N, C-alpha and C. Protein backbone atom coordinates (compact mmCIF):
# COMPACT_ATOMS: atom_id res chain seq x y z
N MET A 1 -18.85 -6.84 -13.26
CA MET A 1 -17.60 -7.27 -13.36
C MET A 1 -17.45 -8.89 -13.68
N LYS A 2 -16.53 -9.31 -14.70
CA LYS A 2 -16.47 -10.55 -15.01
C LYS A 2 -15.80 -11.38 -14.05
N GLN A 3 -16.54 -12.56 -13.69
CA GLN A 3 -16.06 -13.35 -12.52
C GLN A 3 -14.82 -13.87 -12.77
N ILE A 4 -13.83 -13.97 -11.73
CA ILE A 4 -12.34 -14.58 -11.86
C ILE A 4 -12.54 -16.01 -11.49
N LEU A 5 -12.90 -16.23 -10.14
CA LEU A 5 -13.20 -17.72 -9.70
C LEU A 5 -14.67 -18.10 -9.98
N SER A 6 -14.67 -19.41 -10.27
CA SER A 6 -16.21 -19.88 -10.35
C SER A 6 -16.74 -20.17 -9.06
N GLU A 7 -18.08 -20.23 -8.94
CA GLU A 7 -18.59 -20.20 -7.59
C GLU A 7 -18.24 -21.44 -7.14
N ALA A 8 -17.95 -22.53 -7.79
CA ALA A 8 -17.39 -24.07 -7.17
C ALA A 8 -16.13 -23.64 -6.41
N ASP A 9 -15.26 -23.04 -7.22
CA ASP A 9 -13.74 -22.67 -6.58
C ASP A 9 -13.97 -21.78 -5.46
N LYS A 10 -15.00 -20.81 -5.38
CA LYS A 10 -14.94 -19.92 -4.38
C LYS A 10 -15.50 -20.70 -3.26
N THR A 11 -16.48 -21.44 -3.22
CA THR A 11 -17.05 -22.31 -1.95
C THR A 11 -15.85 -23.30 -1.60
N TYR A 12 -15.26 -23.90 -2.46
CA TYR A 12 -14.15 -24.69 -2.01
C TYR A 12 -13.03 -23.97 -1.16
N LEU A 13 -12.70 -22.80 -1.69
CA LEU A 13 -11.72 -22.18 -0.99
C LEU A 13 -12.18 -21.34 0.21
N GLU A 14 -13.46 -20.97 0.32
CA GLU A 14 -13.76 -20.51 1.60
C GLU A 14 -14.05 -21.50 2.58
N ASN A 15 -14.23 -22.67 2.32
CA ASN A 15 -14.25 -23.91 3.28
C ASN A 15 -12.79 -23.99 3.80
N LYS A 16 -11.69 -23.89 2.92
CA LYS A 16 -10.44 -24.07 3.28
C LYS A 16 -10.11 -22.74 4.20
N ILE A 17 -10.55 -21.79 3.76
CA ILE A 17 -10.37 -20.54 4.82
C ILE A 17 -10.74 -20.78 6.14
N ARG A 18 -11.88 -21.39 6.21
CA ARG A 18 -12.53 -21.52 7.60
C ARG A 18 -11.64 -22.58 8.43
N ALA A 19 -11.20 -23.51 7.52
CA ALA A 19 -10.52 -24.67 8.33
C ALA A 19 -9.09 -24.14 8.69
N ALA A 20 -8.51 -23.30 7.92
CA ALA A 20 -7.19 -22.85 8.21
C ALA A 20 -7.24 -21.77 9.38
N GLU A 21 -8.30 -21.07 9.46
CA GLU A 21 -8.51 -20.17 10.67
C GLU A 21 -8.67 -21.07 11.95
N THR A 22 -9.39 -22.12 11.87
CA THR A 22 -9.42 -23.14 12.90
C THR A 22 -8.20 -23.53 13.56
N GLU A 23 -7.46 -23.98 12.49
CA GLU A 23 -6.11 -24.67 12.76
C GLU A 23 -5.04 -23.31 13.21
N THR A 24 -5.29 -22.22 12.83
CA THR A 24 -4.13 -21.28 13.19
C THR A 24 -4.73 -20.23 14.22
N ARG A 25 -5.92 -20.06 14.15
CA ARG A 25 -6.70 -18.92 15.05
C ARG A 25 -6.12 -17.63 14.63
N ALA A 26 -5.66 -17.47 13.45
CA ALA A 26 -5.76 -16.20 12.63
C ALA A 26 -6.99 -15.85 11.98
N GLN A 27 -6.96 -14.65 11.55
CA GLN A 27 -7.98 -14.38 10.60
C GLN A 27 -7.65 -14.19 9.12
N ILE A 28 -7.99 -14.90 8.16
CA ILE A 28 -7.38 -15.07 6.79
C ILE A 28 -8.41 -14.41 5.94
N VAL A 29 -7.93 -13.59 4.90
CA VAL A 29 -8.67 -13.05 3.58
C VAL A 29 -7.77 -13.15 2.43
N LEU A 30 -8.51 -13.72 1.59
CA LEU A 30 -7.98 -13.90 0.23
C LEU A 30 -8.30 -13.00 -0.86
N ALA A 31 -7.58 -12.39 -1.71
CA ALA A 31 -8.04 -11.45 -2.56
C ALA A 31 -7.40 -11.96 -3.97
N VAL A 32 -8.35 -11.52 -5.05
CA VAL A 32 -7.63 -11.70 -6.25
C VAL A 32 -8.04 -10.45 -7.07
N ILE A 33 -7.12 -9.78 -7.62
CA ILE A 33 -7.09 -8.56 -8.37
C ILE A 33 -6.62 -8.74 -9.74
N ARG A 34 -7.44 -8.42 -10.84
CA ARG A 34 -7.15 -8.58 -12.20
C ARG A 34 -5.91 -7.88 -12.55
N ARG A 35 -5.94 -6.75 -12.07
CA ARG A 35 -4.99 -5.53 -12.59
C ARG A 35 -4.77 -4.74 -11.45
N CYS A 36 -3.46 -4.52 -11.00
CA CYS A 36 -3.28 -3.46 -9.68
C CYS A 36 -3.01 -2.13 -10.24
N ASP A 37 -2.97 -1.77 -11.50
CA ASP A 37 -2.71 -0.59 -11.97
C ASP A 37 -3.07 -0.50 -13.43
N ASN A 38 -3.36 0.55 -13.99
CA ASN A 38 -3.58 0.55 -15.63
C ASN A 38 -2.36 0.84 -16.27
N TYR A 39 -1.29 1.07 -15.67
CA TYR A 39 0.17 1.31 -16.30
C TYR A 39 -0.02 2.13 -17.77
N PRO A 40 -0.25 3.24 -17.78
CA PRO A 40 -0.54 3.95 -19.02
C PRO A 40 0.61 4.13 -19.83
N ALA A 41 1.87 3.93 -19.30
CA ALA A 41 3.20 3.99 -19.93
C ALA A 41 3.41 3.00 -20.83
N ILE A 42 2.84 1.75 -20.67
CA ILE A 42 3.20 0.63 -21.27
C ILE A 42 3.03 0.71 -22.93
N PRO A 43 1.81 1.11 -23.28
CA PRO A 43 1.64 1.12 -24.79
C PRO A 43 2.76 2.18 -25.22
N TRP A 44 2.97 3.18 -24.69
CA TRP A 44 4.11 4.11 -25.32
C TRP A 44 5.34 3.52 -25.27
N LYS A 45 5.61 2.74 -24.31
CA LYS A 45 6.99 1.98 -24.28
C LYS A 45 7.14 1.17 -25.49
N ALA A 46 6.06 0.43 -25.59
CA ALA A 46 6.06 -0.61 -26.64
C ALA A 46 5.98 0.05 -28.05
N PHE A 47 5.33 1.11 -28.18
CA PHE A 47 5.57 1.68 -29.64
C PHE A 47 6.96 2.50 -29.75
N ALA A 48 7.47 3.01 -28.79
CA ALA A 48 8.81 3.47 -28.88
C ALA A 48 9.89 2.52 -29.11
N LEU A 49 9.68 1.46 -28.53
CA LEU A 49 10.83 0.39 -28.78
C LEU A 49 10.61 -0.22 -30.11
N VAL A 50 9.52 -0.83 -30.38
CA VAL A 50 9.21 -1.33 -31.68
C VAL A 50 9.54 -0.32 -32.97
N ALA A 51 8.97 0.68 -32.89
CA ALA A 51 9.43 1.86 -33.88
C ALA A 51 10.74 2.10 -33.98
N SER A 52 11.47 2.22 -33.01
CA SER A 52 12.94 2.38 -32.94
C SER A 52 13.60 1.24 -33.79
N LEU A 53 13.24 -0.03 -33.38
CA LEU A 53 13.96 -1.25 -34.00
C LEU A 53 13.56 -1.40 -35.22
N THR A 54 12.36 -1.00 -35.88
CA THR A 54 11.99 -1.07 -36.97
C THR A 54 12.57 -0.09 -37.88
N GLY A 55 12.79 1.13 -37.26
CA GLY A 55 13.54 2.33 -38.01
C GLY A 55 14.91 1.93 -38.29
N LEU A 56 15.83 1.16 -37.35
CA LEU A 56 16.95 0.54 -37.48
C LEU A 56 16.97 -0.26 -38.68
N ALA A 57 16.00 -1.36 -38.56
CA ALA A 57 16.03 -2.46 -39.76
C ALA A 57 15.76 -1.77 -41.13
N VAL A 58 15.00 -0.61 -41.14
CA VAL A 58 14.78 -0.03 -42.40
C VAL A 58 16.05 0.61 -42.90
N VAL A 59 16.70 1.32 -42.11
CA VAL A 59 18.08 2.09 -42.36
C VAL A 59 19.03 0.90 -42.77
N ALA A 60 19.11 -0.32 -42.19
CA ALA A 60 19.84 -1.36 -42.49
C ALA A 60 19.73 -1.95 -43.89
N LEU A 61 18.53 -2.06 -44.09
CA LEU A 61 17.89 -2.41 -45.37
C LEU A 61 18.41 -1.53 -46.53
N HIS A 62 18.30 -0.26 -46.42
CA HIS A 62 18.75 0.77 -47.39
C HIS A 62 20.11 0.46 -47.63
N PHE A 63 21.00 0.31 -46.43
CA PHE A 63 22.43 0.12 -46.66
C PHE A 63 22.76 -1.13 -47.46
N LEU A 64 22.07 -2.17 -47.15
CA LEU A 64 22.50 -3.49 -47.73
C LEU A 64 21.86 -3.56 -49.13
N PHE A 65 20.74 -2.94 -49.29
CA PHE A 65 20.26 -2.93 -50.77
C PHE A 65 20.05 -1.58 -51.21
N PRO A 66 21.02 -0.64 -51.60
CA PRO A 66 20.85 0.52 -51.96
C PRO A 66 19.94 0.92 -53.06
N ILE A 67 18.92 1.69 -52.89
CA ILE A 67 18.04 2.15 -54.08
C ILE A 67 17.82 3.50 -54.14
N TRP A 68 17.30 4.26 -55.03
CA TRP A 68 17.29 5.70 -55.36
C TRP A 68 16.06 6.09 -54.36
N ILE A 69 16.42 6.97 -53.44
CA ILE A 69 15.47 7.66 -52.52
C ILE A 69 14.53 8.41 -53.11
N SER A 70 13.30 8.20 -52.98
CA SER A 70 12.28 8.96 -53.59
C SER A 70 11.32 9.20 -52.45
N VAL A 71 10.36 10.13 -52.82
CA VAL A 71 9.20 10.46 -52.01
C VAL A 71 8.30 9.16 -51.45
N HIS A 72 8.29 8.38 -52.47
CA HIS A 72 7.41 7.14 -52.28
C HIS A 72 8.18 6.12 -51.27
N VAL A 73 9.56 6.10 -51.51
CA VAL A 73 10.32 5.15 -50.65
C VAL A 73 10.31 5.80 -49.20
N ILE A 74 10.37 7.07 -49.15
CA ILE A 74 10.41 7.70 -47.74
C ILE A 74 9.13 7.41 -47.02
N LEU A 75 7.96 7.66 -47.86
CA LEU A 75 6.58 7.41 -47.30
C LEU A 75 6.33 5.93 -46.83
N LEU A 76 6.92 5.20 -47.80
CA LEU A 76 6.87 3.64 -47.15
C LEU A 76 7.52 3.34 -46.04
N SER A 77 8.81 4.02 -45.98
CA SER A 77 9.61 3.65 -44.59
C SER A 77 8.79 4.24 -43.52
N VAL A 78 8.50 5.45 -43.45
CA VAL A 78 7.83 6.06 -42.27
C VAL A 78 6.56 5.34 -41.80
N THR A 79 5.74 4.90 -42.85
CA THR A 79 4.49 4.18 -42.70
C THR A 79 4.67 2.80 -42.21
N THR A 80 5.75 2.20 -42.53
CA THR A 80 6.22 0.89 -41.88
C THR A 80 6.46 1.01 -40.49
N ILE A 81 7.38 2.02 -40.21
CA ILE A 81 7.84 2.34 -38.80
C ILE A 81 6.73 2.60 -38.08
N LEU A 82 5.89 3.48 -38.40
CA LEU A 82 4.69 4.00 -37.37
C LEU A 82 3.62 2.84 -37.35
N ALA A 83 3.44 1.88 -38.39
CA ALA A 83 2.66 0.79 -38.24
C ALA A 83 3.06 -0.31 -37.45
N ALA A 84 4.32 -0.47 -37.17
CA ALA A 84 4.95 -1.34 -36.32
C ALA A 84 4.82 -0.95 -34.95
N GLY A 85 4.98 0.24 -34.70
CA GLY A 85 4.80 0.74 -33.49
C GLY A 85 3.53 0.79 -32.87
N THR A 86 2.57 1.13 -33.68
CA THR A 86 1.23 1.11 -33.36
C THR A 86 0.72 -0.45 -33.06
N ALA A 87 1.18 -1.11 -34.10
CA ALA A 87 0.77 -2.40 -33.71
C ALA A 87 1.15 -3.13 -32.45
N ALA A 88 2.40 -2.84 -31.99
CA ALA A 88 3.01 -3.13 -30.80
C ALA A 88 2.12 -2.54 -29.63
N ALA A 89 1.86 -1.29 -29.73
CA ALA A 89 1.13 -0.52 -28.66
C ALA A 89 -0.41 -1.28 -28.44
N LEU A 90 -0.92 -1.54 -29.69
CA LEU A 90 -2.16 -2.21 -29.44
C LEU A 90 -2.26 -3.67 -28.84
N LEU A 91 -1.07 -4.34 -29.21
CA LEU A 91 -0.99 -5.64 -28.68
C LEU A 91 -0.73 -5.65 -27.33
N THR A 92 -0.06 -4.62 -26.63
CA THR A 92 0.04 -4.70 -25.17
C THR A 92 -1.48 -4.31 -24.49
N ILE A 93 -2.54 -3.75 -25.41
CA ILE A 93 -3.85 -3.68 -24.70
C ILE A 93 -4.55 -5.11 -24.75
N ILE A 94 -4.36 -5.71 -25.71
CA ILE A 94 -5.18 -6.95 -25.92
C ILE A 94 -4.37 -8.21 -25.56
N TRP A 95 -3.02 -8.08 -25.25
CA TRP A 95 -2.38 -9.42 -24.90
C TRP A 95 -1.53 -9.12 -23.74
N PRO A 96 -2.05 -9.54 -22.38
CA PRO A 96 -1.29 -9.01 -21.05
C PRO A 96 -0.17 -9.84 -21.20
N GLY A 97 0.13 -10.73 -21.53
CA GLY A 97 1.59 -11.36 -21.64
C GLY A 97 2.57 -10.63 -22.38
N PHE A 98 2.20 -10.00 -23.24
CA PHE A 98 2.99 -9.23 -24.17
C PHE A 98 3.24 -7.92 -23.45
N ALA A 99 2.25 -7.29 -22.70
CA ALA A 99 2.52 -5.85 -21.96
C ALA A 99 3.22 -6.07 -20.75
N LEU A 100 3.33 -7.33 -20.32
CA LEU A 100 4.17 -7.58 -19.10
C LEU A 100 5.58 -7.52 -19.37
N LEU A 101 6.08 -7.69 -20.60
CA LEU A 101 7.43 -7.62 -21.10
C LEU A 101 7.88 -6.09 -20.78
N PHE A 102 6.95 -5.17 -20.90
CA PHE A 102 7.53 -3.66 -20.94
C PHE A 102 7.24 -3.07 -19.21
N LEU A 103 7.03 -4.21 -18.27
CA LEU A 103 6.88 -3.75 -16.85
C LEU A 103 8.02 -4.35 -16.10
N THR A 104 8.97 -3.62 -15.39
CA THR A 104 9.83 -4.23 -14.65
C THR A 104 9.33 -5.02 -13.37
N ARG A 105 10.29 -5.79 -12.86
CA ARG A 105 9.84 -6.62 -11.62
C ARG A 105 9.59 -5.71 -10.49
N ASN A 106 10.49 -4.67 -10.33
CA ASN A 106 10.26 -3.63 -9.32
C ASN A 106 8.81 -2.92 -9.34
N GLN A 107 8.48 -2.54 -10.59
CA GLN A 107 7.10 -2.00 -10.85
C GLN A 107 6.08 -2.85 -10.40
N ARG A 108 6.17 -4.11 -10.72
CA ARG A 108 5.23 -5.11 -10.50
C ARG A 108 4.85 -5.19 -9.00
N GLU A 109 6.08 -5.42 -8.25
CA GLU A 109 6.25 -5.65 -6.96
C GLU A 109 5.65 -4.36 -6.17
N ALA A 110 6.08 -3.21 -6.57
CA ALA A 110 5.52 -1.86 -5.90
C ALA A 110 4.01 -1.80 -6.04
N GLU A 111 3.44 -1.94 -7.15
CA GLU A 111 2.23 -1.81 -7.51
C GLU A 111 1.17 -2.79 -6.74
N THR A 112 1.66 -4.00 -6.73
CA THR A 112 0.81 -5.00 -6.09
C THR A 112 0.99 -4.74 -4.37
N ARG A 113 1.99 -4.28 -4.01
CA ARG A 113 2.00 -4.05 -2.58
C ARG A 113 1.27 -2.98 -2.24
N GLN A 114 1.37 -1.80 -3.19
CA GLN A 114 0.39 -0.62 -2.63
C GLN A 114 -0.96 -0.93 -2.81
N TYR A 115 -1.34 -1.79 -3.60
CA TYR A 115 -2.90 -2.18 -3.83
C TYR A 115 -3.20 -3.10 -2.58
N ALA A 116 -2.19 -3.90 -2.21
CA ALA A 116 -2.69 -4.78 -0.99
C ALA A 116 -2.85 -3.83 0.10
N GLY A 117 -1.97 -2.85 0.47
CA GLY A 117 -1.94 -2.05 1.69
C GLY A 117 -3.26 -1.17 1.61
N SER A 118 -3.75 -0.78 0.47
CA SER A 118 -4.90 -0.10 0.29
C SER A 118 -6.25 -1.00 0.70
N LEU A 119 -6.17 -2.23 0.01
CA LEU A 119 -7.08 -3.23 0.45
C LEU A 119 -7.34 -3.59 1.88
N PHE A 120 -5.87 -3.57 2.59
CA PHE A 120 -5.94 -3.96 3.91
C PHE A 120 -6.70 -2.81 4.73
N LEU A 121 -6.48 -1.67 4.38
CA LEU A 121 -6.99 -0.58 5.29
C LEU A 121 -8.64 -0.49 4.81
N SER A 122 -8.95 -0.54 3.50
CA SER A 122 -10.36 -0.13 2.98
C SER A 122 -11.23 -1.19 3.52
N HIS A 123 -10.86 -2.58 3.70
CA HIS A 123 -11.50 -3.73 4.21
C HIS A 123 -11.36 -3.73 5.75
N GLU A 124 -10.71 -2.86 6.34
CA GLU A 124 -10.41 -2.80 7.91
C GLU A 124 -9.98 -4.21 8.38
N LEU A 125 -9.02 -4.91 7.70
CA LEU A 125 -8.49 -6.02 8.14
C LEU A 125 -7.61 -5.95 9.50
N PHE A 126 -7.54 -4.69 9.87
CA PHE A 126 -6.89 -4.44 11.20
C PHE A 126 -7.62 -4.36 12.42
N ALA A 127 -9.09 -4.66 12.07
CA ALA A 127 -9.95 -4.55 13.17
C ALA A 127 -10.40 -6.02 13.75
N THR A 128 -9.31 -6.61 14.09
CA THR A 128 -9.30 -8.03 14.78
C THR A 128 -8.75 -8.01 16.35
N GLU A 129 -9.30 -8.89 16.96
CA GLU A 129 -8.72 -8.99 18.31
C GLU A 129 -7.40 -9.55 18.37
N GLY A 130 -6.41 -8.91 19.07
CA GLY A 130 -5.14 -9.31 19.00
C GLY A 130 -4.25 -8.93 17.61
N ARG A 131 -5.01 -8.28 16.70
CA ARG A 131 -4.43 -7.62 15.48
C ARG A 131 -3.87 -9.00 14.76
N ARG A 132 -4.59 -10.06 14.54
CA ARG A 132 -4.26 -11.42 13.79
C ARG A 132 -4.75 -11.52 12.45
N GLY A 133 -5.37 -10.25 11.83
CA GLY A 133 -5.75 -10.61 10.46
C GLY A 133 -4.36 -10.67 9.46
N VAL A 134 -4.58 -11.31 8.43
CA VAL A 134 -3.68 -11.41 7.23
C VAL A 134 -4.16 -11.46 5.88
N LEU A 135 -3.62 -10.80 4.96
CA LEU A 135 -4.25 -10.68 3.52
C LEU A 135 -3.15 -11.49 2.85
N ILE A 136 -3.76 -12.38 1.96
CA ILE A 136 -2.92 -12.84 0.67
C ILE A 136 -3.68 -12.45 -0.43
N MET A 137 -2.96 -11.71 -1.14
CA MET A 137 -3.29 -11.00 -2.52
C MET A 137 -2.58 -11.42 -3.69
N THR A 138 -3.48 -11.90 -4.81
CA THR A 138 -2.76 -12.16 -5.85
C THR A 138 -3.04 -11.07 -7.10
N GLY A 139 -2.02 -10.51 -7.57
CA GLY A 139 -2.29 -9.53 -8.97
C GLY A 139 -2.16 -10.60 -10.04
N LEU A 140 -3.14 -10.90 -10.78
CA LEU A 140 -3.17 -11.79 -11.92
C LEU A 140 -2.35 -11.09 -13.06
N PHE A 141 -2.47 -9.89 -13.42
CA PHE A 141 -1.67 -9.36 -14.67
C PHE A 141 -0.33 -9.34 -14.10
N GLU A 142 0.27 -8.82 -12.88
CA GLU A 142 1.29 -8.66 -12.40
C GLU A 142 2.03 -10.09 -12.23
N ARG A 143 1.21 -11.18 -12.03
CA ARG A 143 1.73 -12.49 -11.59
C ARG A 143 2.51 -12.40 -10.43
N HIS A 144 1.98 -11.73 -9.39
CA HIS A 144 2.86 -11.31 -8.18
C HIS A 144 1.71 -11.78 -6.95
N VAL A 145 2.33 -12.09 -5.98
CA VAL A 145 1.53 -12.35 -4.65
C VAL A 145 2.09 -11.50 -3.60
N VAL A 146 1.06 -11.07 -2.78
CA VAL A 146 1.66 -10.32 -1.47
C VAL A 146 0.88 -10.86 -0.21
N ILE A 147 1.73 -11.08 0.72
CA ILE A 147 0.99 -11.65 1.87
C ILE A 147 1.34 -10.27 3.12
N LEU A 148 0.30 -9.93 3.46
CA LEU A 148 0.29 -8.72 4.23
C LEU A 148 -0.30 -9.07 5.74
N PRO A 149 0.42 -9.43 6.65
CA PRO A 149 -0.03 -9.57 8.04
C PRO A 149 -0.13 -8.40 8.95
N ASP A 150 -1.05 -8.55 10.00
CA ASP A 150 -1.20 -7.39 10.92
C ASP A 150 -0.19 -7.63 11.98
N THR A 151 0.04 -6.67 12.60
CA THR A 151 1.14 -6.58 13.75
C THR A 151 1.11 -7.73 14.67
N GLY A 152 -0.15 -8.43 14.94
CA GLY A 152 -0.02 -9.39 16.04
C GLY A 152 0.40 -10.64 15.24
N LEU A 153 0.78 -10.63 14.12
CA LEU A 153 1.45 -11.87 13.58
C LEU A 153 2.93 -11.76 13.22
N ASN A 154 3.59 -10.61 13.41
CA ASN A 154 4.90 -10.30 13.18
C ASN A 154 5.93 -11.30 13.65
N GLN A 155 5.70 -11.81 14.77
CA GLN A 155 6.68 -12.84 15.44
C GLN A 155 6.52 -14.14 14.71
N TRP A 156 5.36 -14.39 14.04
CA TRP A 156 5.33 -15.92 13.32
C TRP A 156 5.74 -15.77 11.94
N LEU A 157 5.07 -14.46 11.24
CA LEU A 157 5.23 -14.42 9.88
C LEU A 157 6.55 -13.37 9.41
N ASP A 158 7.72 -13.89 9.34
CA ASP A 158 8.78 -12.98 8.94
C ASP A 158 8.91 -12.82 7.53
N LYS A 159 9.79 -12.16 6.92
CA LYS A 159 10.11 -12.00 5.51
C LYS A 159 10.41 -13.46 4.82
N ALA A 160 11.06 -14.14 5.57
CA ALA A 160 11.75 -15.52 4.96
C ALA A 160 10.44 -16.61 4.95
N GLU A 161 9.56 -16.54 5.84
CA GLU A 161 8.32 -17.47 6.22
C GLU A 161 7.36 -16.93 4.67
N MET A 162 7.22 -15.73 4.60
CA MET A 162 6.21 -15.16 3.68
C MET A 162 6.77 -15.41 2.18
N ASN A 163 7.87 -15.20 2.03
CA ASN A 163 8.97 -15.69 0.68
C ASN A 163 8.71 -17.21 0.38
N GLY A 164 8.66 -17.77 1.39
CA GLY A 164 8.52 -19.32 1.18
C GLY A 164 7.06 -19.83 0.83
N ILE A 165 6.20 -19.04 1.22
CA ILE A 165 4.75 -19.24 1.05
C ILE A 165 4.55 -18.91 -0.43
N ILE A 166 4.92 -17.61 -0.77
CA ILE A 166 4.88 -17.20 -2.01
C ILE A 166 5.50 -18.08 -3.00
N SER A 167 6.62 -18.57 -2.77
CA SER A 167 7.24 -19.46 -3.82
C SER A 167 6.56 -20.64 -4.11
N GLY A 168 5.80 -21.09 -3.27
CA GLY A 168 5.01 -22.31 -3.33
C GLY A 168 3.89 -22.05 -4.08
N MET A 169 3.31 -20.79 -4.17
CA MET A 169 2.19 -20.31 -5.04
C MET A 169 2.56 -20.19 -6.51
N LYS A 170 3.71 -19.61 -6.59
CA LYS A 170 4.00 -18.92 -8.08
C LYS A 170 4.01 -19.97 -9.24
N PRO A 171 4.71 -21.07 -9.08
CA PRO A 171 4.52 -22.08 -10.24
C PRO A 171 2.89 -22.56 -10.46
N LEU A 172 2.19 -22.49 -9.68
CA LEU A 172 0.74 -22.86 -9.86
C LEU A 172 0.27 -21.60 -10.63
N LEU A 173 0.41 -20.28 -10.05
CA LEU A 173 -0.11 -19.26 -10.67
C LEU A 173 0.25 -19.09 -12.38
N ARG A 174 1.80 -19.44 -12.58
CA ARG A 174 2.07 -19.36 -13.79
C ARG A 174 1.45 -20.29 -14.77
N SER A 175 1.20 -21.42 -14.09
CA SER A 175 0.55 -22.58 -15.04
C SER A 175 -1.10 -22.20 -15.15
N GLY A 176 -1.66 -21.30 -14.50
CA GLY A 176 -2.84 -20.94 -14.66
C GLY A 176 -3.88 -21.72 -13.65
N ASN A 177 -3.35 -22.25 -12.57
CA ASN A 177 -3.88 -22.88 -11.51
C ASN A 177 -4.28 -21.96 -10.40
N LEU A 178 -5.23 -21.08 -10.43
CA LEU A 178 -5.39 -20.00 -9.61
C LEU A 178 -6.05 -20.81 -8.16
N ARG A 179 -6.82 -21.56 -8.32
CA ARG A 179 -7.43 -22.28 -7.13
C ARG A 179 -6.44 -22.94 -6.33
N GLU A 180 -5.52 -23.54 -7.23
CA GLU A 180 -4.55 -24.59 -6.35
C GLU A 180 -3.53 -23.79 -5.72
N ALA A 181 -3.26 -22.60 -6.55
CA ALA A 181 -2.37 -21.52 -6.13
C ALA A 181 -2.59 -20.87 -4.65
N LEU A 182 -3.96 -20.63 -4.72
CA LEU A 182 -4.60 -20.01 -3.30
C LEU A 182 -4.53 -21.15 -2.34
N GLU A 183 -4.94 -22.21 -2.57
CA GLU A 183 -5.04 -23.37 -1.56
C GLU A 183 -3.50 -23.44 -1.11
N ALA A 184 -2.44 -23.52 -1.88
CA ALA A 184 -1.31 -23.63 -1.45
C ALA A 184 -0.73 -22.64 -0.41
N GLY A 185 -1.31 -21.39 -0.90
CA GLY A 185 -0.98 -20.24 0.15
C GLY A 185 -1.58 -20.44 1.40
N LEU A 186 -2.71 -20.93 1.56
CA LEU A 186 -3.58 -21.22 2.98
C LEU A 186 -2.53 -22.46 3.57
N LYS A 187 -2.39 -23.41 2.94
CA LYS A 187 -1.55 -24.53 3.43
C LYS A 187 -0.24 -23.98 3.96
N GLY A 188 0.43 -23.17 3.20
CA GLY A 188 1.72 -22.53 3.74
C GLY A 188 1.66 -21.70 5.00
N LEU A 189 0.44 -20.99 5.03
CA LEU A 189 0.13 -20.11 6.21
C LEU A 189 -0.09 -20.96 7.36
N VAL A 190 -0.85 -22.01 7.16
CA VAL A 190 -1.21 -23.08 8.38
C VAL A 190 0.25 -23.43 8.80
N GLU A 191 0.95 -23.82 7.99
CA GLU A 191 2.33 -24.61 8.51
C GLU A 191 3.27 -23.48 9.16
N ALA A 192 3.15 -22.19 8.74
CA ALA A 192 3.98 -21.17 9.30
C ALA A 192 3.47 -20.70 10.60
N LEU A 193 2.08 -20.87 10.86
CA LEU A 193 1.59 -20.31 12.09
C LEU A 193 1.18 -21.83 13.07
N GLN A 194 2.12 -22.55 13.05
CA GLN A 194 1.97 -23.73 14.10
C GLN A 194 3.17 -23.42 15.08
N PRO A 195 2.94 -23.69 16.25
CA PRO A 195 1.60 -23.93 16.95
C PRO A 195 0.84 -22.74 16.78
N PRO A 196 -0.55 -23.12 17.00
CA PRO A 196 -1.62 -21.96 16.92
C PRO A 196 -1.40 -20.71 17.60
N LEU A 197 -1.91 -19.59 17.17
CA LEU A 197 -1.86 -18.58 18.08
C LEU A 197 -2.44 -18.58 19.40
N PRO A 198 -2.05 -17.83 20.35
CA PRO A 198 -2.68 -17.90 21.56
C PRO A 198 -4.27 -17.63 21.43
N ASP A 199 -5.05 -18.42 22.05
CA ASP A 199 -6.58 -18.35 21.80
C ASP A 199 -7.08 -17.19 22.65
N THR A 200 -7.70 -16.25 22.01
CA THR A 200 -8.31 -14.92 22.77
C THR A 200 -9.90 -14.94 22.35
N THR A 201 -10.14 -15.44 21.32
CA THR A 201 -11.56 -15.39 20.61
C THR A 201 -12.06 -16.55 19.83
N CYS A 202 -13.15 -16.78 19.91
CA CYS A 202 -13.76 -17.85 18.85
C CYS A 202 -14.42 -17.15 17.72
N LYS A 203 -14.52 -15.99 17.67
CA LYS A 203 -15.52 -15.24 16.79
C LYS A 203 -14.57 -15.30 15.42
N ASN A 204 -15.63 -15.41 14.36
CA ASN A 204 -14.91 -15.16 12.92
C ASN A 204 -15.14 -13.67 12.71
N GLU A 205 -14.12 -13.00 12.79
CA GLU A 205 -13.96 -11.57 12.81
C GLU A 205 -14.30 -10.86 11.47
N LEU A 206 -13.67 -11.52 10.38
CA LEU A 206 -13.53 -11.27 9.07
C LEU A 206 -14.09 -11.99 8.09
N PRO A 207 -14.84 -11.59 7.21
CA PRO A 207 -15.66 -12.39 6.25
C PRO A 207 -14.72 -13.37 5.48
N ASP A 208 -15.32 -14.41 5.27
CA ASP A 208 -14.59 -15.57 4.68
C ASP A 208 -14.49 -15.54 2.98
N GLN A 209 -15.53 -14.53 2.55
CA GLN A 209 -15.64 -14.51 1.12
C GLN A 209 -14.46 -13.84 0.44
N ILE A 210 -14.24 -14.30 -0.74
CA ILE A 210 -12.97 -14.14 -1.33
C ILE A 210 -13.11 -12.74 -2.05
N ILE A 211 -12.27 -11.90 -1.86
CA ILE A 211 -12.40 -10.45 -2.59
C ILE A 211 -11.84 -10.64 -3.84
N GLU A 212 -12.67 -10.18 -4.89
CA GLU A 212 -12.41 -10.09 -6.38
C GLU A 212 -12.68 -8.69 -6.85
N GLU A 213 -11.68 -8.13 -7.29
CA GLU A 213 -11.68 -6.85 -8.02
C GLU A 213 -10.95 -6.86 -9.31
N GLU A 214 -11.44 -5.81 -10.17
CA GLU A 214 -10.99 -5.80 -11.57
C GLU A 214 -9.60 -4.89 -11.24
N GLY A 215 -9.52 -3.95 -10.28
CA GLY A 215 -8.46 -3.25 -9.96
C GLY A 215 -8.54 -1.79 -10.74
N GLU A 216 -7.31 -1.42 -11.27
CA GLU A 216 -7.32 -0.16 -11.86
C GLU A 216 -7.58 -0.41 -13.35
């Protein structure tokens, strides 16, 4: 798998995780996922939309500049429409920013939340004393962040608190500053979990290593 964060960034953030856990007494896990779903419908959506628009443009040109309809003209028109649609479909594969245009906000949020839930369970983030684990997961393709706290943090981390933390991360993500975005998430979490949680254990129950996955 191609590395997402550099080793220097990982070391820096892992030190920040340990410091944040000391300040909050929570167990914090950071995760960066390149793509939370393969979204097979995106190329087809791009093909259909661009081919339709190209077809309308071809028809409009025939109305504006009437010419004798021949087999060659028909073949050229059909080829142009199909070529434009195919180019758009290929562009969604090689250019994530273009592909994202064909993904609704609800789809992005649903897929990242579903992936975060699966990650929470597969890495057993629930297995902490007092159920005080919390996951901050970033979907790079989706440009979306999910904060998933365990039940022991419910009274400290409500929806408004989590949205505030995410709002502080998103401008940094949009500008490509992933390390700074994750650091901002940790800082927001520390501020939200003050005063610290009741002390029940000094053990570091969850690994501090950042989870990196290609995703779907």
